[in-house]
Amino acid sequence: MSSSSITDPGFLRETLSRHSLPQSLAQPVKRVSFWAAIILPFMHLSLLIAGLDSPSMILAFAALVALNICALYVGHTYGHE
């Protein structure tokens, strides 16, 4: 019987590294993120032109900015491999 337990941080780290995102899936995710990072600023522009009058518009703008930052982070290495 193994001495590792599910709550052991070493066990979790080893399990996550063993079951990491396959390389065949990583490239398409990077490609979509790269192009999303290019397209999302146009959505920001449309929200700014419409005006940030209501709290829901401000929330939508903030969510788009956060999504754009995530897309930039994930897709920044696309094309360099």
PDB file of N, CA and C in Angstrom:
ATOM      1  N   MET A   1       0.835  -1.177   0.000  1.00  0.00           N
ATOM      2  CA  MET A   1       0.000   0.000   0.000  1.00  0.00           C
ATOM      3  C   MET A   1       0.881   1.242   0.000  1.00  0.00           C
ATOM      4  N   SER A   2       0.488   2.227  -0.709  1.00  0.00           N
ATOM      5  CA  SER A   2       1.258   3.461  -0.827  1.00  0.00           C
ATOM      6  C   SER A   2       1.093   4.316   0.419  1.00  0.00           C
ATOM      7  N   SER A   3       2.181   4.994   0.791  1.00  0.00           N
ATOM      8  CA  SER A   3       2.114   5.873   1.955  1.00  0.00           C
ATOM      9  C   SER A   3       1.580   7.248   1.575  1.00  0.00           C
ATOM     10  N   SER A   4       1.393   7.508   0.277  1.00  0.00           N
ATOM     11  CA  SER A   4       0.879   8.810  -0.171  1.00  0.00           C
ATOM     12  C   SER A   4      -0.620   8.884   0.068  1.00  0.00           C
ATOM     13  N   SER A   5      -1.040  10.054   0.396  1.00  0.00           N
ATOM     14  CA  SER A   5      -2.463  10.285   0.609  1.00  0.00           C
ATOM     15  C   SER A   5      -2.919  11.389  -0.324  1.00  0.00           C
ATOM     16  N   ILE A   6      -4.206  11.429  -0.571  1.00  0.00           N
ATOM     17  CA  ILE A   6      -4.765  12.455  -1.470  1.00  0.00           C
ATOM     18  C   ILE A   6      -4.521  13.857  -0.919  1.00  0.00           C
ATOM     19  N   THR A   7      -4.451  14.004   0.377  1.00  0.00           N
ATOM     20  CA  THR A   7      -4.264  15.332   0.966  1.00  0.00           C
ATOM     21  C   THR A   7      -2.792  15.739   1.051  1.00  0.00           C
ATOM     22  N   ASP A   8      -1.898  14.844   0.723  1.00  0.00           N
ATOM     23  CA  ASP A   8      -0.468  15.145   0.749  1.00  0.00           C
ATOM     24  C   ASP A   8      -0.119  16.064  -0.419  1.00  0.00           C
ATOM     25  N   PRO A   9       0.472  17.261  -0.156  1.00  0.00           N
ATOM     26  CA  PRO A   9       0.796  18.187  -1.245  1.00  0.00           C
ATOM     27  C   PRO A   9       1.748  17.588  -2.275  1.00  0.00           C
ATOM     28  N   GLY A  10       2.678  16.758  -1.864  1.00  0.00           N
ATOM     29  CA  GLY A  10       3.601  16.127  -2.798  1.00  0.00           C
ATOM     30  C   GLY A  10       2.871  15.204  -3.759  1.00  0.00           C
ATOM     31  N   PHE A  11       1.894  14.472  -3.242  1.00  0.00           N
ATOM     32  CA  PHE A  11       1.094  13.578  -4.075  1.00  0.00           C
ATOM     33  C   PHE A  11       0.303  14.378  -5.107  1.00  0.00           C
ATOM     34  N   LEU A  12      -0.298  15.476  -4.676  1.00  0.00           N
ATOM     35  CA  LEU A  12      -1.072  16.315  -5.595  1.00  0.00           C
ATOM     36  C   LEU A  12      -0.176  16.919  -6.664  1.00  0.00           C
ATOM     37  N   ARG A  13       0.988  17.406  -6.279  1.00  0.00           N
ATOM     38  CA  ARG A  13       1.919  18.001  -7.235  1.00  0.00           C
ATOM     39  C   ARG A  13       2.366  16.965  -8.262  1.00  0.00           C
ATOM     40  N   GLU A  14       2.687  15.760  -7.797  1.00  0.00           N
ATOM     41  CA  GLU A  14       3.125  14.693  -8.699  1.00  0.00           C
ATOM     42  C   GLU A  14       1.993  14.269  -9.637  1.00  0.00           C
ATOM     43  N   THR A  15       0.793  14.178  -9.123  1.00  0.00           N
ATOM     44  CA  THR A  15      -0.349  13.776  -9.942  1.00  0.00           C
ATOM     45  C   THR A  15      -0.647  14.830 -11.000  1.00  0.00           C
ATOM     46  N   LEU A  16      -0.602  16.100 -10.618  1.00  0.00           N
ATOM     47  CA  LEU A  16      -0.877  17.165 -11.580  1.00  0.00           C
ATOM     48  C   LEU A  16       0.195  17.244 -12.651  1.00  0.00           C
ATOM     49  N   SER A  17       1.446  17.028 -12.292  1.00  0.00           N
ATOM     50  CA  SER A  17       2.503  17.091 -13.294  1.00  0.00           C
ATOM     51  C   SER A  17       2.423  15.898 -14.239  1.00  0.00           C
ATOM     52  N   ARG A  18       1.978  14.769 -13.753  1.00  0.00           N
ATOM     53  CA  ARG A  18       1.842  13.576 -14.584  1.00  0.00           C
ATOM     54  C   ARG A  18       0.679  13.718 -15.563  1.00  0.00           C
ATOM     55  N   HIS A  19      -0.356  14.430 -15.150  1.00  0.00           N
ATOM     56  CA  HIS A  19      -1.552  14.593 -15.973  1.00  0.00           C
ATOM     57  C   HIS A  19      -1.659  16.015 -16.499  1.00  0.00           C
ATOM     58  N   SER A  20      -0.547  16.550 -16.959  1.00  0.00           N
ATOM     59  CA  SER A  20      -0.557  17.912 -17.473  1.00  0.00           C
ATOM     60  C   SER A  20      -1.215  17.945 -18.844  1.00  0.00           C
ATOM     61  N   LEU A  21      -1.456  19.143 -19.319  1.00  0.00           N
ATOM     62  CA  LEU A  21      -2.092  19.343 -20.608  1.00  0.00           C
ATOM     63  C   LEU A  21      -1.238  18.735 -21.714  1.00  0.00           C
ATOM     64  N   PRO A  22      -1.810  17.830 -22.504  1.00  0.00           N
ATOM     65  CA  PRO A  22      -1.008  17.226 -23.573  1.00  0.00           C
ATOM     66  C   PRO A  22      -0.549  18.262 -24.584  1.00  0.00           C
ATOM     67  N   GLN A  23       0.600  17.996 -25.175  1.00  0.00           N
ATOM     68  CA  GLN A  23       1.170  18.928 -26.146  1.00  0.00           C
ATOM     69  C   GLN A  23       0.245  19.120 -27.335  1.00  0.00           C
ATOM     70  N   SER A  24      -0.491  18.068 -27.714  1.00  0.00           N
ATOM     71  CA  SER A  24      -1.385  18.178 -28.865  1.00  0.00           C
ATOM     72  C   SER A  24      -2.539  19.139 -28.596  1.00  0.00           C
ATOM     73  N   LEU A  25      -2.878  19.353 -27.336  1.00  0.00           N
ATOM     74  CA  LEU A  25      -3.950  20.276 -26.987  1.00  0.00           C
ATOM     75  C   LEU A  25      -3.415  21.668 -26.668  1.00  0.00           C
ATOM     76  N   ALA A  26      -2.173  21.757 -26.248  1.00  0.00           N
ATOM     77  CA  ALA A  26      -1.595  23.038 -25.857  1.00  0.00           C
ATOM     78  C   ALA A  26      -1.481  24.002 -27.030  1.00  0.00           C
ATOM     79  N   GLN A  27      -1.073  23.502 -28.191  1.00  0.00           N
ATOM     80  CA  GLN A  27      -0.886  24.373 -29.353  1.00  0.00           C
ATOM     81  C   GLN A  27      -2.191  25.028 -29.820  1.00  0.00           C
ATOM     82  N   PRO A  28      -3.301  24.287 -29.952  1.00  0.00           N
ATOM     83  CA  PRO A  28      -4.550  24.955 -30.337  1.00  0.00           C
ATOM     84  C   PRO A  28      -5.038  25.978 -29.299  1.00  0.00           C
ATOM     85  N   VAL A  29      -4.814  25.695 -28.021  1.00  0.00           N
ATOM     86  CA  VAL A  29      -5.218  26.642 -26.979  1.00  0.00           C
ATOM     87  C   VAL A  29      -4.401  27.924 -27.097  1.00  0.00           C
ATOM     88  N   LYS A  30      -3.102  27.788 -27.366  1.00  0.00           N
ATOM     89  CA  LYS A  30      -2.253  28.967 -27.551  1.00  0.00           C
ATOM     90  C   LYS A  30      -2.676  29.758 -28.784  1.00  0.00           C
ATOM     91  N   ARG A  31      -3.043  29.051 -29.865  1.00  0.00           N
ATOM     92  CA  ARG A  31      -3.458  29.716 -31.101  1.00  0.00           C
ATOM     93  C   ARG A  31      -4.746  30.525 -30.873  1.00  0.00           C
ATOM     94  N   VAL A  32      -5.725  29.914 -30.230  1.00  0.00           N
ATOM     95  CA  VAL A  32      -6.987  30.612 -29.958  1.00  0.00           C
ATOM     96  C   VAL A  32      -6.750  31.797 -29.025  1.00  0.00           C
ATOM     97  N   SER A  33      -5.908  31.627 -28.024  1.00  0.00           N
ATOM     98  CA  SER A  33      -5.610  32.720 -27.094  1.00  0.00           C
ATOM     99  C   SER A  33      -4.901  33.870 -27.798  1.00  0.00           C
ATOM    100  N   PHE A  34      -3.979  33.545 -28.684  1.00  0.00           N
ATOM    101  CA  PHE A  34      -3.264  34.578 -29.437  1.00  0.00           C
ATOM    102  C   PHE A  34      -4.235  35.429 -30.247  1.00  0.00           C
ATOM    103  N   TRP A  35      -5.112  34.775 -30.997  1.00  0.00           N
ATOM    104  CA  TRP A  35      -6.051  35.516 -31.831  1.00  0.00           C
ATOM    105  C   TRP A  35      -7.122  36.216 -31.003  1.00  0.00           C
ATOM    106  N   ALA A  36      -7.505  35.641 -29.874  1.00  0.00           N
ATOM    107  CA  ALA A  36      -8.456  36.320 -28.982  1.00  0.00           C
ATOM    108  C   ALA A  36      -7.834  37.600 -28.426  1.00  0.00           C
ATOM    109  N   ALA A  37      -6.546  37.555 -28.124  1.00  0.00           N
ATOM    110  CA  ALA A  37      -5.855  38.747 -27.609  1.00  0.00           C
ATOM    111  C   ALA A  37      -5.813  39.855 -28.653  1.00  0.00           C
ATOM    112  N   ILE A  38      -5.853  39.479 -29.929  1.00  0.00           N
ATOM    113  CA  ILE A  38      -5.873  40.487 -30.991  1.00  0.00           C
ATOM    114  C   ILE A  38      -7.276  41.046 -31.200  1.00  0.00           C
ATOM    115  N   ILE A  39      -8.295  40.199 -31.107  1.00  0.00           N
ATOM    116  CA  ILE A  39      -9.668  40.600 -31.414  1.00  0.00           C
ATOM    117  C   ILE A  39     -10.360  41.306 -30.239  1.00  0.00           C
ATOM    118  N   LEU A  40     -10.070  40.911 -29.021  1.00  0.00           N
ATOM    119  CA  LEU A  40     -10.769  41.466 -27.850  1.00  0.00           C
ATOM    120  C   LEU A  40     -10.684  42.990 -27.713  1.00  0.00           C
ATOM    121  N   PRO A  41      -9.575  43.639 -28.040  1.00  0.00           N
ATOM    122  CA  PRO A  41      -9.557  45.105 -27.913  1.00  0.00           C
ATOM    123  C   PRO A  41     -10.623  45.812 -28.758  1.00  0.00           C
ATOM    124  N   PHE A  42     -11.048  45.212 -29.863  1.00  0.00           N
ATOM    125  CA  PHE A  42     -12.121  45.821 -30.647  1.00  0.00           C
ATOM    126  C   PHE A  42     -13.445  45.795 -29.883  1.00  0.00           C
ATOM    127  N   MET A  43     -13.624  44.778 -29.064  1.00  0.00           N
ATOM    128  CA  MET A  43     -14.812  44.726 -28.215  1.00  0.00           C
ATOM    129  C   MET A  43     -14.724  45.786 -27.120  1.00  0.00           C
ATOM    130  N   HIS A  44     -13.518  46.015 -26.602  1.00  0.00           N
ATOM    131  CA  HIS A  44     -13.330  47.085 -25.607  1.00  0.00           C
ATOM    132  C   HIS A  44     -13.725  48.418 -26.220  1.00  0.00           C
ATOM    133  N   LEU A  45     -13.277  48.627 -27.440  1.00  0.00           N
ATOM    134  CA  LEU A  45     -13.561  49.881 -28.128  1.00  0.00           C
ATOM    135  C   LEU A  45     -15.060  50.096 -28.302  1.00  0.00           C
ATOM    136  N   SER A  46     -15.775  49.059 -28.687  1.00  0.00           N
ATOM    137  CA  SER A  46     -17.223  49.203 -28.863  1.00  0.00           C
ATOM    138  C   SER A  46     -17.914  49.523 -27.539  1.00  0.00           C
ATOM    139  N   LEU A  47     -17.454  48.943 -26.447  1.00  0.00           N
ATOM    140  CA  LEU A  47     -18.038  49.272 -25.140  1.00  0.00           C
ATOM    141  C   LEU A  47     -17.722  50.714 -24.745  1.00  0.00           C
ATOM    142  N   LEU A  48     -16.510  51.157 -25.028  1.00  0.00           N
ATOM    143  CA  LEU A  48     -16.144  52.534 -24.694  1.00  0.00           C
ATOM    144  C   LEU A  48     -16.947  53.538 -25.514  1.00  0.00           C
ATOM    145  N   ILE A  49     -17.181  53.220 -26.784  1.00  0.00           N
ATOM    146  CA  ILE A  49     -17.971  54.120 -27.632  1.00  0.00           C
ATOM    147  C   ILE A  49     -19.414  54.173 -27.151  1.00  0.00           C
ATOM    148  N   ALA A  50     -19.960  53.032 -26.741  1.00  0.00           N
ATOM    149  CA  ALA A  50     -21.337  52.986 -26.238  1.00  0.00           C
ATOM    150  C   ALA A  50     -21.463  53.705 -24.899  1.00  0.00           C
ATOM    151  N   GLY A  51     -20.372  53.774 -24.175  1.00  0.00           N
ATOM    152  CA  GLY A  51     -20.379  54.454 -22.872  1.00  0.00           C
ATOM    153  C   GLY A  51     -20.477  53.468 -21.730  1.00  0.00           C
ATOM    154  N   LEU A  52     -19.802  53.789 -20.674  1.00  0.00           N
ATOM    155  CA  LEU A  52     -19.822  52.949 -19.471  1.00  0.00           C
ATOM    156  C   LEU A  52     -20.736  53.595 -18.441  1.00  0.00           C
ATOM    157  N   ASP A  53     -22.017  53.680 -18.793  1.00  0.00           N
ATOM    158  CA  ASP A  53     -22.976  54.398 -17.959  1.00  0.00           C
ATOM    159  C   ASP A  53     -23.500  53.577 -16.790  1.00  0.00           C
ATOM    160  N   SER A  54     -23.647  52.297 -16.974  1.00  0.00           N
ATOM    161  CA  SER A  54     -24.252  51.476 -15.923  1.00  0.00           C
ATOM    162  C   SER A  54     -23.210  50.550 -15.299  1.00  0.00           C
ATOM    163  N   PRO A  55     -23.502  50.077 -14.110  1.00  0.00           N
ATOM    164  CA  PRO A  55     -22.578  49.137 -13.466  1.00  0.00           C
ATOM    165  C   PRO A  55     -22.369  47.855 -14.286  1.00  0.00           C
ATOM    166  N   SER A  56     -23.396  47.417 -15.000  1.00  0.00           N
ATOM    167  CA  SER A  56     -23.232  46.201 -15.801  1.00  0.00           C
ATOM    168  C   SER A  56     -22.274  46.432 -16.973  1.00  0.00           C
ATOM    169  N   MET A  57     -22.284  47.620 -17.547  1.00  0.00           N
ATOM    170  CA  MET A  57     -21.349  47.934 -18.631  1.00  0.00           C
ATOM    171  C   MET A  57     -19.920  47.997 -18.092  1.00  0.00           C
ATOM    172  N   ILE A  58     -19.753  48.571 -16.908  1.00  0.00           N
ATOM    173  CA  ILE A  58     -18.427  48.639 -16.285  1.00  0.00           C
ATOM    174  C   ILE A  58     -17.930  47.239 -15.965  1.00  0.00           C
ATOM    175  N   LEU A  59     -18.823  46.385 -15.469  1.00  0.00           N
ATOM    176  CA  LEU A  59     -18.464  45.000 -15.160  1.00  0.00           C
ATOM    177  C   LEU A  59     -18.085  44.240 -16.437  1.00  0.00           C
ATOM    178  N   ALA A  60     -18.836  44.439 -17.498  1.00  0.00           N
ATOM    179  CA  ALA A  60     -18.527  43.788 -18.777  1.00  0.00           C
ATOM    180  C   ALA A  60     -17.170  44.255 -19.294  1.00  0.00           C
ATOM    181  N   PHE A  61     -16.893  45.544 -19.184  1.00  0.00           N
ATOM    182  CA  PHE A  61     -15.606  46.078 -19.624  1.00  0.00           C
ATOM    183  C   PHE A  61     -14.466  45.480 -18.803  1.00  0.00           C
ATOM    184  N   ALA A  62     -14.638  45.428 -17.492  1.00  0.00           N
ATOM    185  CA  ALA A  62     -13.597  44.861 -16.622  1.00  0.00           C
ATOM    186  C   ALA A  62     -13.383  43.378 -16.923  1.00  0.00           C
ATOM    187  N   ALA A  63     -14.463  42.648 -17.184  1.00  0.00           N
ATOM    188  CA  ALA A  63     -14.340  41.226 -17.511  1.00  0.00           C
ATOM    189  C   ALA A  63     -13.605  41.039 -18.834  1.00  0.00           C
ATOM    190  N   LEU A  64     -13.882  41.897 -19.809  1.00  0.00           N
ATOM    191  CA  LEU A  64     -13.180  41.813 -21.089  1.00  0.00           C
ATOM    192  C   LEU A  64     -11.692  42.122 -20.942  1.00  0.00           C
ATOM    193  N   VAL A  65     -11.375  43.092 -20.110  1.00  0.00           N
ATOM    194  CA  VAL A  65      -9.964  43.413 -19.866  1.00  0.00           C
ATOM    195  C   VAL A  65      -9.263  42.222 -19.207  1.00  0.00           C
ATOM    196  N   ALA A  66      -9.919  41.611 -18.216  1.00  0.00           N
ATOM    197  CA  ALA A  66      -9.337  40.444 -17.544  1.00  0.00           C
ATOM    198  C   ALA A  66      -9.172  39.281 -18.520  1.00  0.00           C
ATOM    199  N   LEU A  67     -10.159  39.066 -19.369  1.00  0.00           N
ATOM    200  CA  LEU A  67     -10.079  38.008 -20.370  1.00  0.00           C
ATOM    201  C   LEU A  67      -8.958  38.280 -21.368  1.00  0.00           C
ATOM    202  N   ASN A  68      -8.795  39.528 -21.735  1.00  0.00           N
ATOM    203  CA  ASN A  68      -7.728  39.905 -22.658  1.00  0.00           C
ATOM    204  C   ASN A  68      -6.354  39.663 -22.033  1.00  0.00           C
ATOM    205  N   ILE A  69      -6.205  39.982 -20.775  1.00  0.00           N
ATOM    206  CA  ILE A  69      -4.937  39.744 -20.079  1.00  0.00           C
ATOM    207  C   ILE A  69      -4.626  38.250 -20.030  1.00  0.00           C
ATOM    208  N   CYS A  70      -5.640  37.437 -19.740  1.00  0.00           N
ATOM    209  CA  CYS A  70      -5.446  35.982 -19.723  1.00  0.00           C
ATOM    210  C   CYS A  70      -5.065  35.473 -21.113  1.00  0.00           C
ATOM    211  N   ALA A  71      -5.737  35.978 -22.141  1.00  0.00           N
ATOM    212  CA  ALA A  71      -5.437  35.561 -23.513  1.00  0.00           C
ATOM    213  C   ALA A  71      -4.020  35.968 -23.909  1.00  0.00           C
ATOM    214  N   LEU A  72      -3.601  37.143 -23.490  1.00  0.00           N
ATOM    215  CA  LEU A  72      -2.227  37.577 -23.774  1.00  0.00           C
ATOM    216  C   LEU A  72      -1.217  36.668 -23.098  1.00  0.00           C
ATOM    217  N   TYR A  73      -1.484  36.303 -21.866  1.00  0.00           N
ATOM    218  CA  TYR A  73      -0.555  35.457 -21.118  1.00  0.00           C
ATOM    219  C   TYR A  73      -0.445  34.071 -21.742  1.00  0.00           C
ATOM    220  N   VAL A  74      -1.579  33.470 -22.082  1.00  0.00           N
ATOM    221  CA  VAL A  74      -1.576  32.112 -22.613  1.00  0.00           C
ATOM    222  C   VAL A  74      -1.038  32.079 -24.049  1.00  0.00           C
ATOM    223  N   GLY A  75      -1.388  33.080 -24.851  1.00  0.00           N
ATOM    224  CA  GLY A  75      -1.034  33.046 -26.256  1.00  0.00           C
ATOM    225  C   GLY A  75       0.244  33.752 -26.643  1.00  0.00           C
ATOM    226  N   HIS A  76       0.990  34.271 -25.680  1.00  0.00           N
ATOM    227  CA  HIS A  76       2.161  35.080 -26.035  1.00  0.00           C
ATOM    228  C   HIS A  76       3.298  34.289 -26.685  1.00  0.00           C
ATOM    229  N   THR A  77       3.317  32.973 -26.521  1.00  0.00           N
ATOM    230  CA  THR A  77       4.383  32.184 -27.128  1.00  0.00           C
ATOM    231  C   THR A  77       3.961  31.538 -28.443  1.00  0.00           C
ATOM    232  N   TYR A  78       2.751  31.791 -28.880  1.00  0.00           N
ATOM    233  CA  TYR A  78       2.281  31.171 -30.127  1.00  0.00           C
ATOM    234  C   TYR A  78       3.127  31.680 -31.308  1.00  0.00           C
ATOM    235  N   GLY A  79       3.602  30.752 -32.118  1.00  0.00           N
ATOM    236  CA  GLY A  79       4.404  31.116 -33.273  1.00  0.00           C
ATOM    237  C   GLY A  79       5.902  31.155 -33.009  1.00  0.00           C
ATOM    238  N   HIS A  80       6.312  31.027 -31.743  1.00  0.00           N
ATOM    239  CA  HIS A  80       7.737  31.059 -31.405  1.00  0.00           C
ATOM    240  C   HIS A  80       8.314  29.667 -31.205  1.00  0.00           C
ATOM    241  N   GLU A  81       7.511  28.649 -31.470  1.00  0.00           N
ATOM    242  CA  GLU A  81       7.982  27.287 -31.197  1.00  0.00           C
ATOM    243  C   GLU A  81       8.369  26.561 -32.431  1.00  0.00           C
TER     244      GLU A  81
END
